[in-house]
Amino acid sequence: MSNDLIKGEEKIIGVNGEEPKNPKRRDFLVQATGVATGIGVGAAALPFIESMKPSADVMSKATTEVDIAGISKGDTRTVEWQGKPVFILHRNDAQIQAMAETPDTKDPQDDADRVKKPEWLVVIGLCTHLGCIPNRTAEGWFCPCHGSAYDDSGRILHGPAPRNLDVPRYQFVSSEKILIG
């Protein structure tokens, strides 16, 4: 056995059975090939990753800014956000007082947990039963398709709907504007 193998060193043998003249060159070529492969995979993956980003038309619907200055007390405005109707109700003092009590229903929720300012209610205008658009009534909203009724806080009072009208994420940008989304 050769002294090289006894010491635990591995002997590199070239193509013609001889030791290569520069063994470090092979190490460099292996590393360079690895780097080139990594760059190639990254370059090939970049268009695929870019294709997963939302398109400009989707991003434009991500948020909706609404001017609420023209909504009189007691009136409702319906705006579109992400293809869904959103009801914005400017509640008067009587409506605010009436909503202070939590009804004993399928989905009890305090009015204070559903609004950021007591005079403004913002809810997604889709019935939580089958997604119909409820009509505005003197007491709240009524879905004529299956008879679900909601109060002026968007809470389910009766009917087949399993839960309250959904409250979207929103914030007051100023005293006259809200940003939905």
N, C-alpha and C. Protein backbone atom coordinates (compact mmCIF):
# COMPACT_ATOMS: atom_id res chain seq x y z
N MET A 1 0.83 -1.18 0.00
CA MET A 1 0.00 0.00 0.00
C MET A 1 0.87 1.24 0.00
N SER A 2 0.43 2.25 -0.68
CA SER A 2 1.24 3.46 -0.77
C SER A 2 1.14 4.27 0.51
N ASN A 3 2.16 5.06 0.76
CA ASN A 3 2.19 5.91 1.96
C ASN A 3 1.05 6.93 1.95
N ASP A 4 0.61 7.36 0.77
CA ASP A 4 -0.49 8.34 0.68
C ASP A 4 -1.78 7.77 1.25
N LEU A 5 -2.07 6.51 0.99
CA LEU A 5 -3.30 5.91 1.48
C LEU A 5 -3.23 5.62 2.96
N ILE A 6 -2.06 5.36 3.46
CA ILE A 6 -1.89 5.09 4.89
C ILE A 6 -2.16 6.37 5.69
N LYS A 7 -1.74 7.49 5.17
CA LYS A 7 -1.95 8.76 5.86
C LYS A 7 -3.41 9.22 5.76
N GLY A 8 -4.25 8.55 4.97
CA GLY A 8 -5.66 8.92 4.86
C GLY A 8 -5.92 9.91 3.74
N GLU A 9 -4.94 10.17 2.92
CA GLU A 9 -5.15 11.09 1.81
C GLU A 9 -5.66 10.33 0.62
N GLU A 10 -6.58 10.90 -0.11
CA GLU A 10 -7.11 10.27 -1.29
C GLU A 10 -6.29 10.72 -2.48
N LYS A 11 -5.97 9.80 -3.30
CA LYS A 11 -5.15 10.10 -4.46
C LYS A 11 -6.06 10.35 -5.65
N ILE A 12 -5.90 11.50 -6.31
CA ILE A 12 -6.71 11.85 -7.47
C ILE A 12 -6.02 11.30 -8.70
N ILE A 13 -6.80 10.61 -9.50
CA ILE A 13 -6.24 10.03 -10.71
C ILE A 13 -6.92 10.67 -11.90
N GLY A 14 -6.17 11.10 -12.88
CA GLY A 14 -6.68 11.76 -14.06
C GLY A 14 -7.26 10.77 -15.05
N VAL A 15 -7.62 11.27 -16.24
CA VAL A 15 -8.25 10.47 -17.27
C VAL A 15 -7.31 9.38 -17.78
N ASN A 16 -6.07 9.71 -17.95
CA ASN A 16 -5.13 8.73 -18.49
C ASN A 16 -4.46 7.89 -17.41
N GLY A 17 -4.98 7.92 -16.18
CA GLY A 17 -4.44 7.10 -15.10
C GLY A 17 -3.32 7.77 -14.34
N GLU A 18 -2.99 8.98 -14.70
CA GLU A 18 -1.93 9.72 -13.99
C GLU A 18 -2.56 10.78 -13.12
N GLU A 19 -1.76 11.25 -12.20
CA GLU A 19 -2.22 12.36 -11.36
C GLU A 19 -2.35 13.61 -12.22
N PRO A 20 -3.44 14.40 -12.03
CA PRO A 20 -3.56 15.65 -12.78
C PRO A 20 -2.48 16.62 -12.32
N LYS A 21 -2.09 17.50 -13.24
CA LYS A 21 -1.03 18.45 -12.92
C LYS A 21 -1.52 19.54 -11.98
N ASN A 22 -2.85 19.91 -12.06
CA ASN A 22 -3.38 20.98 -11.22
C ASN A 22 -4.74 20.54 -10.65
N PRO A 23 -4.77 19.83 -9.50
CA PRO A 23 -6.04 19.34 -8.95
C PRO A 23 -6.97 20.46 -8.50
N LYS A 24 -6.46 21.64 -8.19
CA LYS A 24 -7.31 22.76 -7.75
C LYS A 24 -8.16 23.27 -8.90
N ARG A 25 -7.72 23.06 -10.13
CA ARG A 25 -8.47 23.50 -11.28
C ARG A 25 -9.81 22.76 -11.36
N ARG A 26 -9.80 21.46 -11.05
CA ARG A 26 -11.04 20.68 -11.05
C ARG A 26 -12.01 21.23 -9.99
N ASP A 27 -11.51 21.56 -8.80
CA ASP A 27 -12.37 22.13 -7.76
C ASP A 27 -13.01 23.43 -8.23
N PHE A 28 -12.22 24.26 -8.90
CA PHE A 28 -12.74 25.53 -9.41
C PHE A 28 -13.83 25.29 -10.45
N LEU A 29 -13.62 24.34 -11.33
CA LEU A 29 -14.61 24.05 -12.37
C LEU A 29 -15.92 23.52 -11.77
N VAL A 30 -15.80 22.69 -10.75
CA VAL A 30 -17.00 22.17 -10.08
C VAL A 30 -17.77 23.32 -9.43
N GLN A 31 -17.07 24.21 -8.73
CA GLN A 31 -17.73 25.35 -8.09
C GLN A 31 -18.33 26.30 -9.11
N ALA A 32 -17.61 26.59 -10.17
CA ALA A 32 -18.11 27.49 -11.21
C ALA A 32 -19.36 26.91 -11.87
N THR A 33 -19.37 25.60 -12.11
CA THR A 33 -20.54 24.96 -12.68
C THR A 33 -21.74 25.07 -11.73
N GLY A 34 -21.50 24.88 -10.45
CA GLY A 34 -22.57 25.01 -9.45
C GLY A 34 -23.15 26.42 -9.42
N VAL A 35 -22.29 27.42 -9.45
CA VAL A 35 -22.75 28.82 -9.45
C VAL A 35 -23.55 29.11 -10.71
N ALA A 36 -23.05 28.67 -11.87
CA ALA A 36 -23.75 28.90 -13.14
C ALA A 36 -25.12 28.21 -13.13
N THR A 37 -25.19 27.01 -12.57
CA THR A 37 -26.46 26.30 -12.47
C THR A 37 -27.43 27.06 -11.57
N GLY A 38 -26.95 27.56 -10.45
CA GLY A 38 -27.79 28.33 -9.54
C GLY A 38 -28.34 29.59 -10.20
N ILE A 39 -27.50 30.29 -10.94
CA ILE A 39 -27.94 31.50 -11.64
C ILE A 39 -28.97 31.14 -12.71
N GLY A 40 -28.74 30.05 -13.42
CA GLY A 40 -29.68 29.61 -14.45
C GLY A 40 -31.04 29.25 -13.88
N VAL A 41 -31.04 28.52 -12.76
CA VAL A 41 -32.30 28.15 -12.12
C VAL A 41 -33.03 29.40 -11.63
N GLY A 42 -32.29 30.34 -11.03
CA GLY A 42 -32.90 31.59 -10.57
C GLY A 42 -33.49 32.39 -11.72
N ALA A 43 -32.76 32.48 -12.83
CA ALA A 43 -33.25 33.22 -13.99
C ALA A 43 -34.49 32.55 -14.59
N ALA A 44 -34.52 31.23 -14.59
CA ALA A 44 -35.69 30.52 -15.12
C ALA A 44 -36.89 30.64 -14.20
N ALA A 45 -36.65 30.72 -12.89
CA ALA A 45 -37.74 30.79 -11.92
C ALA A 45 -38.33 32.19 -11.79
N LEU A 46 -37.57 33.21 -12.13
CA LEU A 46 -38.03 34.59 -11.94
C LEU A 46 -39.34 34.90 -12.68
N PRO A 47 -39.50 34.55 -13.95
CA PRO A 47 -40.79 34.82 -14.61
C PRO A 47 -41.94 34.06 -13.96
N PHE A 48 -41.67 32.85 -13.50
CA PHE A 48 -42.71 32.07 -12.83
C PHE A 48 -43.15 32.76 -11.54
N ILE A 49 -42.20 33.25 -10.75
CA ILE A 49 -42.51 33.94 -9.50
C ILE A 49 -43.25 35.25 -9.79
N GLU A 50 -42.82 35.98 -10.81
CA GLU A 50 -43.49 37.23 -11.19
C GLU A 50 -44.93 36.99 -11.61
N SER A 51 -45.20 35.85 -12.23
CA SER A 51 -46.56 35.57 -12.69
C SER A 51 -47.53 35.34 -11.54
N MET A 52 -47.02 35.09 -10.34
CA MET A 52 -47.88 34.87 -9.18
C MET A 52 -48.34 36.16 -8.51
N LYS A 53 -47.75 37.28 -8.87
CA LYS A 53 -48.15 38.56 -8.29
C LYS A 53 -49.53 38.94 -8.82
N PRO A 54 -50.33 39.62 -8.00
CA PRO A 54 -51.64 40.07 -8.50
C PRO A 54 -51.47 41.10 -9.61
N SER A 55 -52.38 41.07 -10.56
CA SER A 55 -52.31 42.01 -11.68
C SER A 55 -52.73 43.41 -11.24
N ALA A 56 -52.48 44.38 -12.10
CA ALA A 56 -52.77 45.79 -11.78
C ALA A 56 -54.26 46.01 -11.55
N ASP A 57 -55.13 45.34 -12.31
CA ASP A 57 -56.56 45.54 -12.11
C ASP A 57 -57.04 44.97 -10.78
N VAL A 58 -56.41 43.91 -10.33
CA VAL A 58 -56.76 43.35 -9.02
C VAL A 58 -56.27 44.28 -7.90
N MET A 59 -55.06 44.78 -8.05
CA MET A 59 -54.52 45.70 -7.04
C MET A 59 -55.33 46.98 -6.94
N SER A 60 -55.88 47.44 -8.07
CA SER A 60 -56.67 48.67 -8.04
C SER A 60 -57.97 48.49 -7.27
N LYS A 61 -58.46 47.26 -7.18
CA LYS A 61 -59.69 46.99 -6.43
C LYS A 61 -59.43 46.58 -4.99
N ALA A 62 -58.18 46.54 -4.59
CA ALA A 62 -57.84 46.11 -3.23
C ALA A 62 -58.37 47.06 -2.18
N THR A 63 -58.37 48.34 -2.50
CA THR A 63 -58.91 49.34 -1.57
C THR A 63 -59.84 50.28 -2.32
N THR A 64 -60.79 50.84 -1.59
CA THR A 64 -61.72 51.82 -2.14
C THR A 64 -61.82 52.96 -1.16
N GLU A 65 -61.58 54.17 -1.65
CA GLU A 65 -61.72 55.36 -0.81
C GLU A 65 -63.10 55.96 -1.07
N VAL A 66 -63.83 56.26 0.00
CA VAL A 66 -65.19 56.74 -0.13
C VAL A 66 -65.32 58.08 0.59
N ASP A 67 -65.91 59.05 -0.10
CA ASP A 67 -66.21 60.36 0.49
C ASP A 67 -67.56 60.24 1.18
N ILE A 68 -67.57 60.35 2.50
CA ILE A 68 -68.80 60.16 3.26
C ILE A 68 -69.45 61.49 3.66
N ALA A 69 -68.86 62.61 3.19
CA ALA A 69 -69.37 63.93 3.58
C ALA A 69 -70.81 64.15 3.11
N GLY A 70 -71.20 63.58 1.99
CA GLY A 70 -72.53 63.82 1.44
C GLY A 70 -73.61 62.88 1.94
N ILE A 71 -73.31 62.01 2.87
CA ILE A 71 -74.31 61.07 3.38
C ILE A 71 -74.99 61.69 4.59
N SER A 72 -76.28 61.98 4.46
CA SER A 72 -77.04 62.58 5.57
C SER A 72 -77.31 61.55 6.65
N LYS A 73 -77.57 62.04 7.86
CA LYS A 73 -77.90 61.13 8.97
C LYS A 73 -79.15 60.34 8.62
N GLY A 74 -79.07 59.04 8.84
CA GLY A 74 -80.18 58.16 8.53
C GLY A 74 -80.14 57.58 7.13
N ASP A 75 -79.23 58.08 6.27
CA ASP A 75 -79.13 57.60 4.90
C ASP A 75 -78.05 56.53 4.76
N THR A 76 -78.18 55.76 3.68
CA THR A 76 -77.23 54.70 3.36
C THR A 76 -76.68 54.93 1.97
N ARG A 77 -75.40 54.68 1.81
CA ARG A 77 -74.79 54.70 0.48
C ARG A 77 -74.20 53.31 0.24
N THR A 78 -74.38 52.84 -0.98
CA THR A 78 -73.81 51.54 -1.37
C THR A 78 -72.67 51.81 -2.34
N VAL A 79 -71.50 51.27 -2.01
CA VAL A 79 -70.32 51.40 -2.87
C VAL A 79 -69.83 50.00 -3.21
N GLU A 80 -68.98 49.92 -4.23
CA GLU A 80 -68.44 48.63 -4.63
C GLU A 80 -67.00 48.51 -4.13
N TRP A 81 -66.69 47.37 -3.55
CA TRP A 81 -65.33 47.06 -3.11
C TRP A 81 -65.07 45.60 -3.44
N GLN A 82 -64.05 45.34 -4.22
CA GLN A 82 -63.69 43.99 -4.67
C GLN A 82 -64.86 43.25 -5.30
N GLY A 83 -65.68 43.99 -6.04
CA GLY A 83 -66.83 43.40 -6.72
C GLY A 83 -68.01 43.11 -5.81
N LYS A 84 -67.96 43.55 -4.56
CA LYS A 84 -69.04 43.31 -3.60
C LYS A 84 -69.66 44.65 -3.20
N PRO A 85 -70.97 44.65 -2.91
CA PRO A 85 -71.57 45.88 -2.41
C PRO A 85 -71.20 46.08 -0.93
N VAL A 86 -70.93 47.32 -0.58
CA VAL A 86 -70.66 47.66 0.82
C VAL A 86 -71.66 48.75 1.21
N PHE A 87 -72.39 48.48 2.30
CA PHE A 87 -73.36 49.45 2.81
C PHE A 87 -72.68 50.36 3.82
N ILE A 88 -72.82 51.68 3.62
CA ILE A 88 -72.31 52.66 4.57
C ILE A 88 -73.52 53.41 5.09
N LEU A 89 -73.83 53.22 6.36
CA LEU A 89 -75.00 53.83 7.00
C LEU A 89 -74.54 54.93 7.95
N HIS A 90 -75.04 56.15 7.73
CA HIS A 90 -74.78 57.26 8.65
C HIS A 90 -75.93 57.25 9.65
N ARG A 91 -75.69 56.67 10.81
CA ARG A 91 -76.76 56.46 11.78
C ARG A 91 -77.06 57.72 12.56
N ASN A 92 -78.36 57.92 12.81
CA ASN A 92 -78.77 59.06 13.65
C ASN A 92 -78.76 58.63 15.11
N ASP A 93 -79.04 59.56 16.01
CA ASP A 93 -78.97 59.27 17.45
C ASP A 93 -79.93 58.16 17.86
N ALA A 94 -81.14 58.14 17.29
CA ALA A 94 -82.12 57.10 17.64
C ALA A 94 -81.61 55.72 17.21
N GLN A 95 -80.99 55.64 16.05
CA GLN A 95 -80.46 54.35 15.58
C GLN A 95 -79.29 53.89 16.45
N ILE A 96 -78.45 54.82 16.85
CA ILE A 96 -77.31 54.48 17.71
C ILE A 96 -77.81 53.94 19.05
N GLN A 97 -78.80 54.63 19.64
CA GLN A 97 -79.35 54.20 20.94
C GLN A 97 -80.03 52.84 20.81
N ALA A 98 -80.75 52.62 19.72
CA ALA A 98 -81.44 51.35 19.53
C ALA A 98 -80.46 50.19 19.38
N MET A 99 -79.27 50.45 18.86
CA MET A 99 -78.29 49.39 18.63
C MET A 99 -77.40 49.14 19.85
N ALA A 100 -77.55 49.94 20.90
CA ALA A 100 -76.72 49.77 22.09
C ALA A 100 -76.97 48.43 22.77
N GLU A 101 -78.18 47.91 22.66
CA GLU A 101 -78.52 46.63 23.28
C GLU A 101 -78.21 45.49 22.32
N THR A 102 -77.57 44.45 22.80
CA THR A 102 -77.22 43.30 21.95
C THR A 102 -78.40 42.33 21.92
N PRO A 103 -78.93 42.05 20.73
CA PRO A 103 -80.06 41.12 20.66
C PRO A 103 -79.61 39.68 20.92
N ASP A 104 -80.54 38.88 21.41
CA ASP A 104 -80.25 37.47 21.66
C ASP A 104 -80.56 36.71 20.37
N THR A 105 -79.54 36.55 19.53
CA THR A 105 -79.71 35.93 18.22
C THR A 105 -78.66 34.84 18.01
N LYS A 106 -78.62 34.32 16.79
CA LYS A 106 -77.65 33.26 16.44
C LYS A 106 -76.21 33.74 16.60
N ASP A 107 -75.98 35.00 16.29
CA ASP A 107 -74.61 35.54 16.29
C ASP A 107 -74.57 36.83 17.11
N PRO A 108 -74.71 36.73 18.44
CA PRO A 108 -74.73 37.95 19.25
C PRO A 108 -73.37 38.66 19.22
N GLN A 109 -73.43 39.95 18.99
CA GLN A 109 -72.21 40.75 18.92
C GLN A 109 -72.57 42.18 19.31
N ASP A 110 -71.75 42.78 20.18
CA ASP A 110 -72.01 44.16 20.58
C ASP A 110 -71.83 45.10 19.39
N ASP A 111 -72.64 46.15 19.37
CA ASP A 111 -72.54 47.15 18.31
C ASP A 111 -71.16 47.80 18.33
N ALA A 112 -70.61 48.03 19.51
CA ALA A 112 -69.29 48.67 19.63
C ALA A 112 -68.18 47.84 18.98
N ASP A 113 -68.38 46.53 18.88
CA ASP A 113 -67.39 45.66 18.23
C ASP A 113 -67.52 45.68 16.70
N ARG A 114 -68.61 46.25 16.20
CA ARG A 114 -68.87 46.24 14.76
C ARG A 114 -68.62 47.59 14.10
N VAL A 115 -68.42 48.64 14.88
CA VAL A 115 -68.21 49.98 14.32
C VAL A 115 -66.98 50.62 14.93
N LYS A 116 -66.36 51.55 14.17
CA LYS A 116 -65.22 52.31 14.71
C LYS A 116 -65.69 53.63 15.29
N LYS A 117 -66.75 54.19 14.69
CA LYS A 117 -67.42 55.38 15.21
C LYS A 117 -68.90 55.05 15.25
N PRO A 118 -69.57 55.33 16.37
CA PRO A 118 -70.97 54.92 16.52
C PRO A 118 -71.90 55.42 15.41
N GLU A 119 -71.61 56.58 14.84
CA GLU A 119 -72.51 57.13 13.83
C GLU A 119 -72.32 56.52 12.44
N TRP A 120 -71.27 55.72 12.25
CA TRP A 120 -71.00 55.13 10.95
C TRP A 120 -70.95 53.61 11.03
N LEU A 121 -71.77 52.96 10.21
CA LEU A 121 -71.75 51.50 10.09
C LEU A 121 -71.28 51.16 8.68
N VAL A 122 -70.30 50.28 8.57
CA VAL A 122 -69.77 49.83 7.28
C VAL A 122 -69.83 48.30 7.28
N VAL A 123 -70.67 47.74 6.38
CA VAL A 123 -70.80 46.28 6.29
C VAL A 123 -70.84 45.85 4.83
N ILE A 124 -70.42 44.62 4.59
CA ILE A 124 -70.52 44.05 3.25
C ILE A 124 -71.97 43.68 3.02
N GLY A 125 -72.53 44.16 1.93
CA GLY A 125 -73.96 44.00 1.65
C GLY A 125 -74.33 42.69 0.99
N LEU A 126 -73.86 41.59 1.53
CA LEU A 126 -74.23 40.27 1.03
C LEU A 126 -74.79 39.43 2.17
N CYS A 127 -75.99 38.91 1.96
CA CYS A 127 -76.61 38.04 2.96
C CYS A 127 -75.69 36.86 3.23
N THR A 128 -75.50 36.54 4.48
CA THR A 128 -74.59 35.46 4.84
C THR A 128 -75.22 34.08 4.66
N HIS A 129 -76.45 34.03 4.16
CA HIS A 129 -77.08 32.75 3.88
C HIS A 129 -76.65 32.24 2.51
N LEU A 130 -77.01 32.97 1.45
CA LEU A 130 -76.66 32.54 0.10
C LEU A 130 -76.05 33.65 -0.75
N GLY A 131 -75.68 34.76 -0.13
CA GLY A 131 -74.99 35.82 -0.86
C GLY A 131 -75.88 36.77 -1.63
N CYS A 132 -77.17 36.81 -1.32
CA CYS A 132 -78.08 37.76 -1.97
C CYS A 132 -77.79 39.17 -1.42
N ILE A 133 -78.32 40.19 -2.09
CA ILE A 133 -78.14 41.56 -1.63
C ILE A 133 -79.42 41.99 -0.90
N PRO A 134 -79.34 42.21 0.40
CA PRO A 134 -80.53 42.62 1.16
C PRO A 134 -80.99 44.02 0.79
N ASN A 135 -82.28 44.27 0.97
CA ASN A 135 -82.88 45.58 0.74
C ASN A 135 -82.92 46.36 2.03
N ARG A 136 -82.80 47.67 1.95
CA ARG A 136 -82.86 48.55 3.13
C ARG A 136 -84.30 48.69 3.57
N THR A 137 -84.54 48.55 4.88
CA THR A 137 -85.87 48.76 5.47
C THR A 137 -85.71 49.77 6.60
N ALA A 138 -86.81 50.13 7.22
CA ALA A 138 -86.77 51.09 8.33
C ALA A 138 -86.03 50.52 9.54
N GLU A 139 -86.03 49.19 9.70
CA GLU A 139 -85.39 48.55 10.86
C GLU A 139 -83.99 48.05 10.57
N GLY A 140 -83.57 48.05 9.32
CA GLY A 140 -82.26 47.52 8.98
C GLY A 140 -82.25 47.06 7.54
N TRP A 141 -81.96 45.76 7.34
CA TRP A 141 -81.94 45.19 6.00
C TRP A 141 -82.74 43.90 6.01
N PHE A 142 -83.36 43.61 4.86
CA PHE A 142 -84.15 42.39 4.72
C PHE A 142 -83.77 41.72 3.40
N CYS A 143 -83.47 40.44 3.47
CA CYS A 143 -83.14 39.67 2.28
C CYS A 143 -84.43 38.98 1.81
N PRO A 144 -85.00 39.43 0.69
CA PRO A 144 -86.29 38.88 0.26
C PRO A 144 -86.22 37.44 -0.26
N CYS A 145 -85.02 36.96 -0.57
CA CYS A 145 -84.89 35.61 -1.13
C CYS A 145 -85.34 34.52 -0.14
N HIS A 146 -84.87 34.64 1.10
CA HIS A 146 -85.18 33.60 2.09
C HIS A 146 -85.64 34.16 3.43
N GLY A 147 -85.76 35.47 3.54
CA GLY A 147 -86.35 36.07 4.73
C GLY A 147 -85.41 36.41 5.86
N SER A 148 -84.14 36.55 5.62
CA SER A 148 -83.22 36.94 6.68
C SER A 148 -83.35 38.44 6.93
N ALA A 149 -83.39 38.82 8.19
CA ALA A 149 -83.52 40.24 8.57
C ALA A 149 -82.34 40.62 9.45
N TYR A 150 -81.79 41.81 9.17
CA TYR A 150 -80.65 42.34 9.91
C TYR A 150 -81.01 43.69 10.49
N ASP A 151 -80.44 44.04 11.65
CA ASP A 151 -80.72 45.34 12.26
C ASP A 151 -79.76 46.40 11.72
N ASP A 152 -79.82 47.61 12.30
CA ASP A 152 -78.98 48.73 11.85
C ASP A 152 -77.52 48.60 12.27
N SER A 153 -77.16 47.45 12.83
CA SER A 153 -75.77 47.14 13.10
C SER A 153 -75.30 45.98 12.23
N GLY A 154 -76.22 45.50 11.35
CA GLY A 154 -75.91 44.38 10.48
C GLY A 154 -75.96 43.04 11.18
N ARG A 155 -76.60 42.99 12.35
CA ARG A 155 -76.70 41.73 13.11
C ARG A 155 -77.94 40.97 12.66
N ILE A 156 -77.82 39.66 12.53
CA ILE A 156 -78.95 38.83 12.11
C ILE A 156 -80.01 38.81 13.21
N LEU A 157 -81.26 39.10 12.83
CA LEU A 157 -82.36 39.08 13.79
C LEU A 157 -83.15 37.78 13.66
N HIS A 158 -83.47 37.40 12.44
CA HIS A 158 -84.16 36.12 12.20
C HIS A 158 -83.98 35.73 10.74
N GLY A 159 -84.25 34.47 10.47
CA GLY A 159 -84.10 33.95 9.12
C GLY A 159 -83.00 32.90 9.06
N PRO A 160 -82.76 32.37 7.88
CA PRO A 160 -81.80 31.27 7.75
C PRO A 160 -80.32 31.68 7.75
N ALA A 161 -80.03 32.98 7.67
CA ALA A 161 -78.63 33.41 7.65
C ALA A 161 -77.93 32.96 8.93
N PRO A 162 -76.74 32.37 8.82
CA PRO A 162 -76.05 31.83 10.00
C PRO A 162 -75.31 32.86 10.84
N ARG A 163 -74.99 34.02 10.25
CA ARG A 163 -74.21 35.00 11.01
C ARG A 163 -74.54 36.42 10.54
N ASN A 164 -73.98 37.38 11.25
CA ASN A 164 -74.18 38.80 10.95
C ASN A 164 -73.56 39.16 9.61
N LEU A 165 -73.97 40.32 9.07
CA LEU A 165 -73.32 40.84 7.86
C LEU A 165 -71.85 41.07 8.20
N ASP A 166 -70.97 40.76 7.27
CA ASP A 166 -69.54 40.88 7.51
C ASP A 166 -69.11 42.35 7.50
N VAL A 167 -68.18 42.67 8.38
CA VAL A 167 -67.61 44.01 8.45
C VAL A 167 -66.25 43.95 7.75
N PRO A 168 -66.07 44.75 6.69
CA PRO A 168 -64.77 44.73 6.01
C PRO A 168 -63.73 45.49 6.82
N ARG A 169 -62.48 45.30 6.47
CA ARG A 169 -61.42 46.09 7.10
C ARG A 169 -61.53 47.49 6.53
N TYR A 170 -61.61 48.49 7.39
CA TYR A 170 -61.70 49.88 6.93
C TYR A 170 -61.10 50.80 7.97
N GLN A 171 -60.81 52.02 7.53
CA GLN A 171 -60.28 53.01 8.46
C GLN A 171 -60.74 54.39 8.01
N PHE A 172 -60.80 55.30 8.96
CA PHE A 172 -61.15 56.68 8.66
C PHE A 172 -59.86 57.41 8.29
N VAL A 173 -59.78 57.86 7.03
CA VAL A 173 -58.61 58.59 6.56
C VAL A 173 -58.69 60.04 7.05
N SER A 174 -59.90 60.57 7.07
CA SER A 174 -60.17 61.91 7.59
C SER A 174 -61.60 61.89 8.11
N SER A 175 -62.09 63.05 8.53
CA SER A 175 -63.46 63.08 9.03
C SER A 175 -64.49 62.91 7.91
N GLU A 176 -64.03 63.06 6.65
CA GLU A 176 -64.95 62.96 5.52
C GLU A 176 -64.63 61.81 4.57
N LYS A 177 -63.63 60.99 4.87
CA LYS A 177 -63.26 59.90 3.98
C LYS A 177 -62.93 58.64 4.76
N ILE A 178 -63.34 57.51 4.18
CA ILE A 178 -62.94 56.21 4.72
C ILE A 178 -62.25 55.42 3.62
N LEU A 179 -61.36 54.56 4.05
CA LEU A 179 -60.64 53.68 3.13
C LEU A 179 -61.04 52.25 3.47
N ILE A 180 -61.69 51.59 2.51
CA ILE A 180 -62.13 50.21 2.71
C ILE A 180 -61.08 49.30 2.10
N GLY A 181 -60.66 48.32 2.85
CA GLY A 181 -59.68 47.35 2.36
C GLY A 181 -58.37 47.42 3.07
